[in-house]
């Protein structure tokens, strides 16, 4: 009887290999041959999963976006009784990729962001990832200020855009060593605290 192949599992395995190589050598260092070797599959297996290198990169970028989204959802589920404001802070902290255990993922994410400037396929995937994150943050901001009648309550969509831009900027500043992770968290906390002043 022929062996069953978990195609989706193999695609994720290959995406993980892409991310490891991109972290070590940048996207320019990602070759089909090296990906196959890192994933411990044949070149043919990689080519059966992805017709082109760009298709493989697009899938890997989507894979990272899914992991970040899953972490945000898991963080919110772990503390269901928390306030909407606290939930917003947790979500933005996860998106910012500031913790040491997410440093490799942050490097890979920013490599994809840079490449997306010249790749429409990557840009399209990135826009979809950002749109999903923005929608989640918009809902959290709206919930945090629900029932608040005070003047100056933030527009949820505009604040979600601001938070996404702040998260990306802080990630970059930490990666290049301009800010420490704690300094970046202090900036983020100060911004969030300012929403309730």
N, C-alpha and C. Protein backbone atom coordinates (compact mmCIF):
# COMPACT_ATOMS: atom_id res chain seq x y z
N UNK A 1 0.85 -1.18 0.00
CA UNK A 1 0.00 0.00 0.00
C UNK A 1 0.90 1.25 0.00
N UNK A 2 0.59 2.24 -0.88
CA UNK A 2 1.44 3.43 -0.94
C UNK A 2 1.38 4.22 0.37
N UNK A 3 2.51 4.84 0.67
CA UNK A 3 2.62 5.63 1.89
C UNK A 3 1.84 6.93 1.74
N UNK A 4 1.08 7.29 2.77
CA UNK A 4 0.32 8.53 2.77
C UNK A 4 1.25 9.69 3.13
N UNK A 5 1.17 10.76 2.39
CA UNK A 5 2.00 11.94 2.66
C UNK A 5 1.10 13.06 3.15
N UNK A 6 1.45 13.64 4.27
CA UNK A 6 0.73 14.79 4.81
C UNK A 6 1.29 16.04 4.10
N UNK A 7 0.62 16.42 3.01
CA UNK A 7 1.13 17.53 2.20
C UNK A 7 1.17 18.85 2.98
N UNK A 8 0.12 19.12 3.76
CA UNK A 8 0.10 20.38 4.51
C UNK A 8 1.18 20.37 5.58
N UNK A 9 1.38 19.24 6.22
CA UNK A 9 2.44 19.12 7.22
C UNK A 9 3.81 19.30 6.59
N UNK A 10 3.99 18.74 5.40
CA UNK A 10 5.27 18.89 4.70
C UNK A 10 5.48 20.35 4.29
N UNK A 11 4.43 21.03 3.86
CA UNK A 11 4.56 22.44 3.49
C UNK A 11 4.98 23.28 4.70
N UNK A 12 4.41 22.97 5.87
CA UNK A 12 4.79 23.70 7.09
C UNK A 12 6.23 23.38 7.49
N UNK A 13 6.64 22.13 7.33
CA UNK A 13 8.02 21.73 7.61
C UNK A 13 8.99 22.51 6.72
N UNK A 14 8.64 22.62 5.45
CA UNK A 14 9.46 23.37 4.50
C UNK A 14 9.47 24.86 4.87
N UNK A 15 8.31 25.39 5.26
CA UNK A 15 8.23 26.80 5.67
C UNK A 15 9.12 27.05 6.88
N UNK A 16 9.14 26.14 7.82
CA UNK A 16 10.02 26.29 8.99
C UNK A 16 11.48 26.31 8.56
N UNK A 17 11.84 25.46 7.58
CA UNK A 17 13.21 25.44 7.07
C UNK A 17 13.55 26.76 6.40
N UNK A 18 12.60 27.31 5.63
CA UNK A 18 12.80 28.61 4.99
C UNK A 18 13.09 29.67 6.05
N UNK A 19 12.31 29.66 7.12
CA UNK A 19 12.48 30.66 8.18
C UNK A 19 13.82 30.52 8.88
N UNK A 20 14.24 29.29 9.14
CA UNK A 20 15.54 29.08 9.78
C UNK A 20 16.67 29.60 8.90
N UNK A 21 16.61 29.30 7.61
CA UNK A 21 17.66 29.76 6.68
C UNK A 21 17.62 31.27 6.52
N UNK A 22 16.42 31.84 6.44
CA UNK A 22 16.30 33.30 6.32
C UNK A 22 16.85 33.99 7.55
N UNK A 23 16.65 33.39 8.72
CA UNK A 23 17.19 33.97 9.95
C UNK A 23 18.71 33.94 9.93
N UNK A 24 19.28 32.88 9.40
CA UNK A 24 20.73 32.72 9.40
C UNK A 24 21.42 33.51 8.28
N UNK A 25 20.78 33.58 7.11
CA UNK A 25 21.47 34.14 5.93
C UNK A 25 20.68 35.22 5.19
N UNK A 26 19.49 35.58 5.68
CA UNK A 26 18.64 36.50 4.93
C UNK A 26 17.92 35.75 3.82
N UNK A 27 16.95 36.39 3.21
CA UNK A 27 16.17 35.73 2.16
C UNK A 27 17.02 35.38 0.95
N UNK A 28 18.07 36.16 0.70
CA UNK A 28 18.93 35.86 -0.44
C UNK A 28 19.68 34.54 -0.24
N UNK A 29 19.78 34.08 0.99
CA UNK A 29 20.46 32.83 1.28
C UNK A 29 19.53 31.62 1.27
N UNK A 30 18.29 31.82 0.89
CA UNK A 30 17.32 30.72 0.85
C UNK A 30 17.30 30.14 -0.55
N UNK A 31 17.83 28.93 -0.70
CA UNK A 31 17.78 28.23 -1.98
C UNK A 31 16.95 26.96 -1.82
N UNK A 32 16.39 26.48 -2.91
CA UNK A 32 15.59 25.26 -2.85
C UNK A 32 16.43 24.08 -2.32
N UNK A 33 17.66 24.01 -2.75
CA UNK A 33 18.54 22.92 -2.32
C UNK A 33 18.78 22.99 -0.80
N UNK A 34 19.08 24.18 -0.29
CA UNK A 34 19.32 24.32 1.15
C UNK A 34 18.05 24.07 1.96
N UNK A 35 16.92 24.51 1.43
CA UNK A 35 15.65 24.28 2.12
C UNK A 35 15.38 22.78 2.21
N UNK A 36 15.59 22.08 1.11
CA UNK A 36 15.38 20.62 1.11
C UNK A 36 16.29 19.95 2.14
N UNK A 37 17.55 20.36 2.17
CA UNK A 37 18.49 19.77 3.12
C UNK A 37 18.07 20.07 4.56
N UNK A 38 17.68 21.31 4.83
CA UNK A 38 17.30 21.69 6.20
C UNK A 38 16.02 20.97 6.62
N UNK A 39 15.07 20.82 5.70
CA UNK A 39 13.80 20.15 6.02
C UNK A 39 13.94 18.63 5.99
N UNK A 40 15.10 18.17 5.52
CA UNK A 40 15.37 16.73 5.40
C UNK A 40 14.36 16.03 4.50
N UNK A 41 14.11 16.69 3.35
CA UNK A 41 13.28 16.11 2.30
C UNK A 41 14.04 16.26 0.98
N UNK A 42 13.58 15.58 -0.03
CA UNK A 42 14.24 15.67 -1.34
C UNK A 42 13.89 16.97 -2.04
N UNK A 43 14.71 17.35 -3.00
CA UNK A 43 14.40 18.52 -3.83
C UNK A 43 13.06 18.32 -4.53
N UNK A 44 12.82 17.08 -4.97
CA UNK A 44 11.54 16.76 -5.62
C UNK A 44 10.36 17.01 -4.72
N UNK A 45 10.52 16.68 -3.43
CA UNK A 45 9.43 16.91 -2.47
C UNK A 45 9.15 18.41 -2.33
N UNK A 46 10.21 19.21 -2.29
CA UNK A 46 10.02 20.67 -2.21
C UNK A 46 9.31 21.15 -3.47
N UNK A 47 9.74 20.66 -4.63
CA UNK A 47 9.15 21.11 -5.89
C UNK A 47 7.72 20.61 -6.08
N UNK A 48 7.38 19.49 -5.46
CA UNK A 48 5.98 19.04 -5.53
C UNK A 48 5.09 19.92 -4.66
N UNK A 49 5.65 20.45 -3.58
CA UNK A 49 4.87 21.32 -2.69
C UNK A 49 4.76 22.75 -3.23
N UNK A 50 5.83 23.21 -3.89
CA UNK A 50 5.88 24.60 -4.36
C UNK A 50 6.46 24.64 -5.77
N UNK A 51 5.73 25.25 -6.69
CA UNK A 51 6.20 25.30 -8.08
C UNK A 51 7.40 26.22 -8.25
N UNK A 52 7.46 27.30 -7.43
CA UNK A 52 8.54 28.27 -7.56
C UNK A 52 9.06 28.67 -6.18
N UNK A 53 10.21 29.29 -6.19
CA UNK A 53 10.77 29.80 -4.93
C UNK A 53 9.85 30.87 -4.36
N UNK A 54 9.30 31.73 -5.21
CA UNK A 54 8.41 32.78 -4.73
C UNK A 54 7.18 32.19 -4.05
N UNK A 55 6.62 31.14 -4.62
CA UNK A 55 5.47 30.49 -4.01
C UNK A 55 5.83 29.94 -2.62
N UNK A 56 7.02 29.39 -2.51
CA UNK A 56 7.50 28.87 -1.23
C UNK A 56 7.66 30.00 -0.21
N UNK A 57 8.22 31.13 -0.65
CA UNK A 57 8.41 32.27 0.24
C UNK A 57 7.06 32.85 0.69
N UNK A 58 6.12 32.93 -0.24
CA UNK A 58 4.79 33.45 0.10
C UNK A 58 4.14 32.56 1.16
N UNK A 59 4.25 31.26 0.99
CA UNK A 59 3.68 30.34 1.98
C UNK A 59 4.37 30.52 3.32
N UNK A 60 5.70 30.63 3.32
CA UNK A 60 6.45 30.80 4.57
C UNK A 60 6.04 32.08 5.29
N UNK A 61 5.84 33.16 4.55
CA UNK A 61 5.40 34.41 5.15
C UNK A 61 4.02 34.25 5.78
N UNK A 62 3.11 33.61 5.06
CA UNK A 62 1.79 33.35 5.62
C UNK A 62 1.87 32.50 6.87
N UNK A 63 2.79 31.55 6.87
CA UNK A 63 3.01 30.65 8.01
C UNK A 63 3.44 31.46 9.25
N UNK A 64 4.33 32.41 9.07
CA UNK A 64 4.75 33.27 10.19
C UNK A 64 3.57 34.10 10.68
N UNK A 65 2.82 34.68 9.76
CA UNK A 65 1.65 35.47 10.14
C UNK A 65 0.65 34.65 10.95
N UNK A 66 0.44 33.39 10.53
CA UNK A 66 -0.47 32.52 11.28
C UNK A 66 0.06 32.25 12.69
N UNK A 67 1.36 32.01 12.81
CA UNK A 67 1.93 31.75 14.14
C UNK A 67 1.75 32.95 15.06
N UNK A 68 1.98 34.14 14.54
CA UNK A 68 1.81 35.35 15.35
C UNK A 68 0.34 35.49 15.76
N UNK A 69 -0.56 35.32 14.80
CA UNK A 69 -1.99 35.39 15.10
C UNK A 69 -2.43 34.38 16.14
N UNK A 70 -1.90 33.16 16.03
CA UNK A 70 -2.23 32.11 17.00
C UNK A 70 -1.73 32.50 18.40
N UNK A 71 -0.54 33.08 18.48
CA UNK A 71 -0.02 33.50 19.79
C UNK A 71 -0.87 34.60 20.39
N UNK A 72 -1.31 35.54 19.56
CA UNK A 72 -2.17 36.62 20.06
C UNK A 72 -3.46 36.01 20.60
N UNK A 73 -4.10 35.12 19.83
CA UNK A 73 -5.34 34.50 20.29
C UNK A 73 -5.13 33.68 21.56
N UNK A 74 -4.04 32.93 21.61
CA UNK A 74 -3.76 32.11 22.80
C UNK A 74 -3.54 32.99 24.03
N UNK A 75 -2.86 34.09 23.84
CA UNK A 75 -2.60 35.01 24.97
C UNK A 75 -3.91 35.58 25.50
N UNK A 76 -4.84 35.88 24.60
CA UNK A 76 -6.11 36.44 25.01
C UNK A 76 -7.00 35.39 25.68
N UNK A 77 -6.90 34.15 25.22
CA UNK A 77 -7.71 33.08 25.79
C UNK A 77 -7.23 32.69 27.19
N UNK A 78 -5.92 32.79 27.42
CA UNK A 78 -5.37 32.40 28.72
C UNK A 78 -5.93 33.23 29.87
N UNK A 79 -6.33 34.47 29.59
CA UNK A 79 -6.84 35.34 30.66
C UNK A 79 -8.17 35.95 30.24
N UNK A 80 -9.24 35.13 30.17
CA UNK A 80 -10.51 35.63 29.65
C UNK A 80 -11.18 36.70 30.50
N UNK A 81 -10.83 36.80 31.79
CA UNK A 81 -11.49 37.78 32.65
C UNK A 81 -10.82 39.16 32.60
N UNK A 82 -9.75 39.28 31.85
CA UNK A 82 -9.02 40.55 31.83
C UNK A 82 -9.85 41.65 31.16
N UNK A 83 -9.47 42.89 31.42
CA UNK A 83 -10.16 44.01 30.79
C UNK A 83 -9.77 44.09 29.32
N UNK A 84 -10.59 44.77 28.54
CA UNK A 84 -10.29 44.94 27.12
C UNK A 84 -8.99 45.72 26.94
N UNK A 85 -8.72 46.66 27.84
CA UNK A 85 -7.47 47.43 27.76
C UNK A 85 -6.26 46.55 27.99
N UNK A 86 -6.35 45.64 28.95
CA UNK A 86 -5.26 44.71 29.20
C UNK A 86 -5.08 43.77 28.01
N UNK A 87 -6.18 43.30 27.46
CA UNK A 87 -6.13 42.42 26.30
C UNK A 87 -5.45 43.13 25.13
N UNK A 88 -5.75 44.40 24.94
CA UNK A 88 -5.12 45.18 23.88
C UNK A 88 -3.61 45.24 24.09
N UNK A 89 -3.19 45.50 25.32
CA UNK A 89 -1.76 45.54 25.62
C UNK A 89 -1.07 44.22 25.36
N UNK A 90 -1.71 43.12 25.75
CA UNK A 90 -1.14 41.80 25.49
C UNK A 90 -1.01 41.53 24.00
N UNK A 91 -2.04 41.87 23.25
CA UNK A 91 -2.03 41.62 21.81
C UNK A 91 -0.91 42.41 21.13
N UNK A 92 -0.77 43.68 21.46
CA UNK A 92 0.26 44.50 20.82
C UNK A 92 1.66 44.02 21.22
N UNK A 93 1.81 43.59 22.45
CA UNK A 93 3.10 43.06 22.89
C UNK A 93 3.48 41.82 22.08
N UNK A 94 2.53 40.94 21.83
CA UNK A 94 2.80 39.74 21.02
C UNK A 94 3.16 40.12 19.59
N UNK A 95 2.45 41.07 19.02
CA UNK A 95 2.70 41.50 17.65
C UNK A 95 4.07 42.14 17.51
N UNK A 96 4.53 42.80 18.57
CA UNK A 96 5.80 43.52 18.51
C UNK A 96 7.03 42.62 18.43
N UNK A 97 6.90 41.35 18.77
CA UNK A 97 8.01 40.39 18.69
C UNK A 97 9.24 40.89 19.45
N UNK A 98 9.04 41.40 20.65
CA UNK A 98 10.14 41.98 21.42
C UNK A 98 10.83 40.99 22.35
N UNK A 99 10.15 39.90 22.68
CA UNK A 99 10.75 38.95 23.60
C UNK A 99 11.87 38.17 22.93
N UNK A 100 12.85 37.77 23.72
CA UNK A 100 14.03 37.06 23.20
C UNK A 100 13.64 35.82 22.39
N UNK A 101 12.65 35.08 22.86
CA UNK A 101 12.26 33.86 22.14
C UNK A 101 11.64 34.13 20.77
N UNK A 102 11.31 35.39 20.50
CA UNK A 102 10.74 35.74 19.19
C UNK A 102 11.72 36.53 18.32
N UNK A 103 12.96 36.68 18.78
CA UNK A 103 13.94 37.49 18.05
C UNK A 103 14.20 36.94 16.64
N UNK A 104 14.34 35.62 16.50
CA UNK A 104 14.57 35.03 15.18
C UNK A 104 13.37 35.29 14.27
N UNK A 105 12.18 35.12 14.81
CA UNK A 105 10.97 35.37 14.03
C UNK A 105 10.90 36.84 13.60
N UNK A 106 11.32 37.74 14.47
CA UNK A 106 11.33 39.17 14.14
C UNK A 106 12.30 39.44 12.99
N UNK A 107 13.48 38.84 13.03
CA UNK A 107 14.45 39.04 11.93
C UNK A 107 13.88 38.54 10.61
N UNK A 108 13.24 37.39 10.64
CA UNK A 108 12.67 36.81 9.42
C UNK A 108 11.51 37.68 8.93
N UNK A 109 10.65 38.12 9.84
CA UNK A 109 9.51 38.97 9.46
C UNK A 109 10.01 40.23 8.76
N UNK A 110 11.03 40.88 9.33
CA UNK A 110 11.53 42.11 8.71
C UNK A 110 12.24 41.84 7.39
N UNK A 111 12.86 40.67 7.25
CA UNK A 111 13.45 40.31 5.95
C UNK A 111 12.35 40.20 4.90
N UNK A 112 11.24 39.61 5.28
CA UNK A 112 10.11 39.50 4.35
C UNK A 112 9.52 40.88 4.04
N UNK A 113 9.44 41.74 5.04
CA UNK A 113 8.91 43.10 4.81
C UNK A 113 9.79 43.82 3.80
N UNK A 114 11.11 43.72 3.96
CA UNK A 114 12.02 44.38 3.01
C UNK A 114 11.86 43.81 1.61
N UNK A 115 11.75 42.50 1.49
CA UNK A 115 11.60 41.86 0.18
C UNK A 115 10.26 42.19 -0.46
N UNK A 116 9.23 42.40 0.38
CA UNK A 116 7.90 42.72 -0.14
C UNK A 116 7.88 44.04 -0.90
N UNK A 117 8.85 44.89 -0.64
CA UNK A 117 8.92 46.17 -1.37
C UNK A 117 9.17 45.94 -2.86
N UNK A 118 9.72 44.78 -3.22
CA UNK A 118 10.00 44.50 -4.64
C UNK A 118 9.32 43.23 -5.13
N UNK A 119 8.46 42.64 -4.29
CA UNK A 119 7.73 41.43 -4.68
C UNK A 119 6.25 41.63 -4.43
N UNK A 120 5.48 41.73 -5.50
CA UNK A 120 4.03 41.94 -5.36
C UNK A 120 3.36 40.77 -4.63
N UNK A 121 3.84 39.56 -4.88
CA UNK A 121 3.24 38.39 -4.23
C UNK A 121 3.46 38.45 -2.72
N UNK A 122 4.67 38.79 -2.29
CA UNK A 122 4.93 38.93 -0.85
C UNK A 122 4.17 40.12 -0.27
N UNK A 123 4.13 41.22 -1.01
CA UNK A 123 3.41 42.40 -0.54
C UNK A 123 1.93 42.08 -0.33
N UNK A 124 1.36 41.33 -1.24
CA UNK A 124 -0.05 40.95 -1.12
C UNK A 124 -0.30 40.11 0.13
N UNK A 125 0.58 39.16 0.40
CA UNK A 125 0.46 38.33 1.60
C UNK A 125 0.64 39.18 2.85
N UNK A 126 1.61 40.06 2.82
CA UNK A 126 1.88 40.93 3.97
C UNK A 126 0.68 41.84 4.24
N UNK A 127 0.09 42.39 3.19
CA UNK A 127 -1.09 43.25 3.37
C UNK A 127 -2.23 42.47 4.01
N UNK A 128 -2.41 41.22 3.60
CA UNK A 128 -3.47 40.39 4.19
C UNK A 128 -3.18 40.12 5.67
N UNK A 129 -1.92 39.84 6.00
CA UNK A 129 -1.54 39.63 7.40
C UNK A 129 -1.80 40.88 8.23
N UNK A 130 -1.36 42.03 7.71
CA UNK A 130 -1.56 43.28 8.43
C UNK A 130 -3.05 43.60 8.58
N UNK A 131 -3.83 43.32 7.54
CA UNK A 131 -5.27 43.59 7.61
C UNK A 131 -5.93 42.77 8.71
N UNK A 132 -5.54 41.50 8.83
CA UNK A 132 -6.10 40.64 9.88
C UNK A 132 -5.70 41.15 11.26
N UNK A 133 -4.44 41.54 11.42
CA UNK A 133 -3.99 42.08 12.71
C UNK A 133 -4.69 43.39 13.02
N UNK A 134 -4.85 44.23 12.00
CA UNK A 134 -5.52 45.52 12.21
C UNK A 134 -6.97 45.31 12.63
N UNK A 135 -7.65 44.36 11.99
CA UNK A 135 -9.04 44.09 12.37
C UNK A 135 -9.14 43.65 13.83
N UNK A 136 -8.22 42.76 14.25
CA UNK A 136 -8.22 42.29 15.64
C UNK A 136 -7.97 43.44 16.60
N UNK A 137 -6.99 44.28 16.28
CA UNK A 137 -6.69 45.42 17.15
C UNK A 137 -7.84 46.44 17.16
N UNK A 138 -8.47 46.64 16.01
CA UNK A 138 -9.61 47.57 15.94
C UNK A 138 -10.71 47.11 16.88
N UNK A 139 -11.00 45.81 16.87
CA UNK A 139 -12.04 45.27 17.78
C UNK A 139 -11.64 45.47 19.24
N UNK A 140 -10.35 45.22 19.55
CA UNK A 140 -9.91 45.38 20.94
C UNK A 140 -9.97 46.83 21.40
N UNK A 141 -9.59 47.76 20.53
CA UNK A 141 -9.67 49.18 20.89
C UNK A 141 -11.14 49.58 21.10
N UNK A 142 -12.01 49.14 20.18
CA UNK A 142 -13.43 49.47 20.31
C UNK A 142 -13.99 48.91 21.62
N UNK A 143 -13.63 47.67 21.97
CA UNK A 143 -14.09 47.06 23.23
C UNK A 143 -13.55 47.82 24.44
N UNK A 144 -12.29 48.25 24.36
CA UNK A 144 -11.67 48.94 25.49
C UNK A 144 -12.38 50.26 25.79
N UNK A 145 -12.91 50.89 24.76
CA UNK A 145 -13.55 52.20 24.96
C UNK A 145 -15.06 52.13 24.85
N UNK A 146 -15.61 50.93 24.80
CA UNK A 146 -17.05 50.75 24.70
C UNK A 146 -17.73 51.38 25.92
N UNK A 147 -18.75 52.16 25.67
CA UNK A 147 -19.47 52.80 26.76
C UNK A 147 -18.81 54.05 27.29
N UNK A 148 -17.61 54.36 26.81
CA UNK A 148 -16.92 55.56 27.25
C UNK A 148 -17.45 56.74 26.45
N UNK A 149 -17.86 57.74 27.14
CA UNK A 149 -18.43 58.92 26.47
C UNK A 149 -17.48 60.11 26.48
N UNK A 150 -16.27 59.91 26.99
CA UNK A 150 -15.37 61.05 27.12
C UNK A 150 -14.91 61.56 25.76
N UNK A 151 -14.65 62.85 25.71
CA UNK A 151 -14.13 63.44 24.48
C UNK A 151 -12.71 62.94 24.28
N UNK A 152 -12.34 62.75 23.05
CA UNK A 152 -10.98 62.33 22.76
C UNK A 152 -10.76 60.83 22.76
N UNK A 153 -11.85 60.04 22.88
CA UNK A 153 -11.68 58.60 22.75
C UNK A 153 -11.14 58.32 21.36
N UNK A 154 -10.18 57.42 21.25
CA UNK A 154 -9.55 57.21 19.94
C UNK A 154 -10.49 56.55 18.93
N UNK A 155 -10.28 56.88 17.67
CA UNK A 155 -10.96 56.18 16.59
C UNK A 155 -10.33 54.78 16.54
N UNK A 156 -11.12 53.72 16.72
CA UNK A 156 -10.54 52.38 16.81
C UNK A 156 -9.67 51.97 15.62
N UNK A 157 -10.10 52.27 14.42
CA UNK A 157 -9.31 51.86 13.27
C UNK A 157 -8.01 52.65 13.16
N UNK A 158 -8.07 53.95 13.41
CA UNK A 158 -6.86 54.77 13.36
C UNK A 158 -5.87 54.34 14.45
N UNK A 159 -6.39 54.05 15.65
CA UNK A 159 -5.51 53.61 16.73
C UNK A 159 -4.91 52.24 16.43
N UNK A 160 -5.67 51.36 15.80
CA UNK A 160 -5.14 50.05 15.42
C UNK A 160 -3.99 50.22 14.43
N UNK A 161 -4.16 51.11 13.47
CA UNK A 161 -3.07 51.38 12.51
C UNK A 161 -1.84 51.94 13.22
N UNK A 162 -2.07 52.84 14.16
CA UNK A 162 -0.97 53.42 14.92
C UNK A 162 -0.22 52.34 15.71
N UNK A 163 -0.98 51.46 16.34
CA UNK A 163 -0.36 50.40 17.14
C UNK A 163 0.44 49.42 16.27
N UNK A 164 -0.07 49.10 15.09
CA UNK A 164 0.69 48.23 14.18
C UNK A 164 1.98 48.89 13.75
N UNK A 165 1.91 50.16 13.40
CA UNK A 165 3.11 50.88 12.98
C UNK A 165 4.11 50.99 14.14
N UNK A 166 3.60 51.25 15.33
CA UNK A 166 4.46 51.33 16.51
C UNK A 166 5.12 49.98 16.78
N UNK A 167 4.35 48.90 16.67
CA UNK A 167 4.90 47.56 16.91
C UNK A 167 6.02 47.25 15.92
N UNK A 168 5.79 47.51 14.64
CA UNK A 168 6.84 47.25 13.64
C UNK A 168 8.07 48.12 13.89
N UNK A 169 7.84 49.37 14.20
CA UNK A 169 8.96 50.27 14.45
C UNK A 169 9.78 49.85 15.65
N UNK A 170 9.11 49.47 16.71
CA UNK A 170 9.83 49.03 17.91
C UNK A 170 10.60 47.74 17.65
N UNK A 171 10.01 46.83 16.87
CA UNK A 171 10.72 45.60 16.50
C UNK A 171 12.02 45.94 15.79
N UNK A 172 11.95 46.85 14.84
CA UNK A 172 13.14 47.25 14.09
C UNK A 172 14.18 47.88 15.01
N UNK A 173 13.75 48.77 15.87
CA UNK A 173 14.69 49.46 16.77
C UNK A 173 15.39 48.49 17.71
N UNK A 174 14.68 47.47 18.17
CA UNK A 174 15.31 46.46 19.03
C UNK A 174 16.30 45.62 18.23
N UNK A 175 15.91 45.22 17.02
CA UNK A 175 16.78 44.36 16.21
C UNK A 175 18.10 45.02 15.85
N UNK A 176 18.07 46.32 15.60
CA UNK A 176 19.32 47.01 15.24
C UNK A 176 20.08 47.52 16.46
N UNK A 177 19.51 47.33 17.65
CA UNK A 177 20.21 47.70 18.86
C UNK A 177 20.03 49.13 19.30
N UNK A 178 19.10 49.85 18.65
CA UNK A 178 18.85 51.24 19.08
C UNK A 178 18.14 51.28 20.43
N UNK A 179 17.24 50.33 20.65
CA UNK A 179 16.52 50.22 21.92
C UNK A 179 16.71 48.82 22.47
N UNK A 180 16.69 48.71 23.79
CA UNK A 180 16.65 47.39 24.40
C UNK A 180 15.19 46.92 24.36
N UNK A 181 14.95 45.64 24.52
CA UNK A 181 13.56 45.18 24.58
C UNK A 181 12.77 45.88 25.68
N UNK A 182 13.40 46.11 26.84
CA UNK A 182 12.69 46.78 27.93
C UNK A 182 12.36 48.22 27.57
N UNK A 183 13.29 48.92 26.93
CA UNK A 183 13.00 50.30 26.51
C UNK A 183 11.85 50.33 25.51
N UNK A 184 11.83 49.37 24.60
CA UNK A 184 10.74 49.30 23.62
C UNK A 184 9.41 49.03 24.32
N UNK A 185 9.42 48.12 25.29
CA UNK A 185 8.19 47.85 26.05
C UNK A 185 7.73 49.08 26.82
N UNK A 186 8.69 49.85 27.34
CA UNK A 186 8.34 51.08 28.05
C UNK A 186 7.65 52.07 27.11
N UNK A 187 8.16 52.18 25.87
CA UNK A 187 7.53 53.06 24.87
C UNK A 187 6.10 52.59 24.59
N UNK A 188 5.96 51.29 24.40
CA UNK A 188 4.64 50.72 24.10
C UNK A 188 3.69 50.92 25.27
N UNK A 189 4.15 50.66 26.49
CA UNK A 189 3.31 50.84 27.68
C UNK A 189 2.90 52.30 27.84
N UNK A 190 3.83 53.23 27.58
CA UNK A 190 3.52 54.65 27.71
C UNK A 190 2.45 55.06 26.70
N UNK A 191 2.57 54.53 25.49
CA UNK A 191 1.56 54.86 24.47
C UNK A 191 0.19 54.33 24.89
N UNK A 192 0.15 53.09 25.33
CA UNK A 192 -1.13 52.49 25.73
C UNK A 192 -1.72 53.22 26.93
N UNK A 193 -0.87 53.58 27.90
CA UNK A 193 -1.36 54.31 29.07
C UNK A 193 -1.93 55.66 28.66
N UNK A 194 -1.32 56.29 27.65
CA UNK A 194 -1.80 57.59 27.18
C UNK A 194 -3.20 57.53 26.57
N UNK A 195 -3.63 56.38 26.14
CA UNK A 195 -4.97 56.25 25.57
C UNK A 195 -6.06 56.50 26.61
N UNK A 196 -5.73 56.24 27.89
CA UNK A 196 -6.74 56.35 28.94
C UNK A 196 -6.61 57.65 29.73
N UNK A 197 -5.72 58.54 29.32
CA UNK A 197 -5.56 59.81 30.06
C UNK A 197 -6.62 60.80 29.66
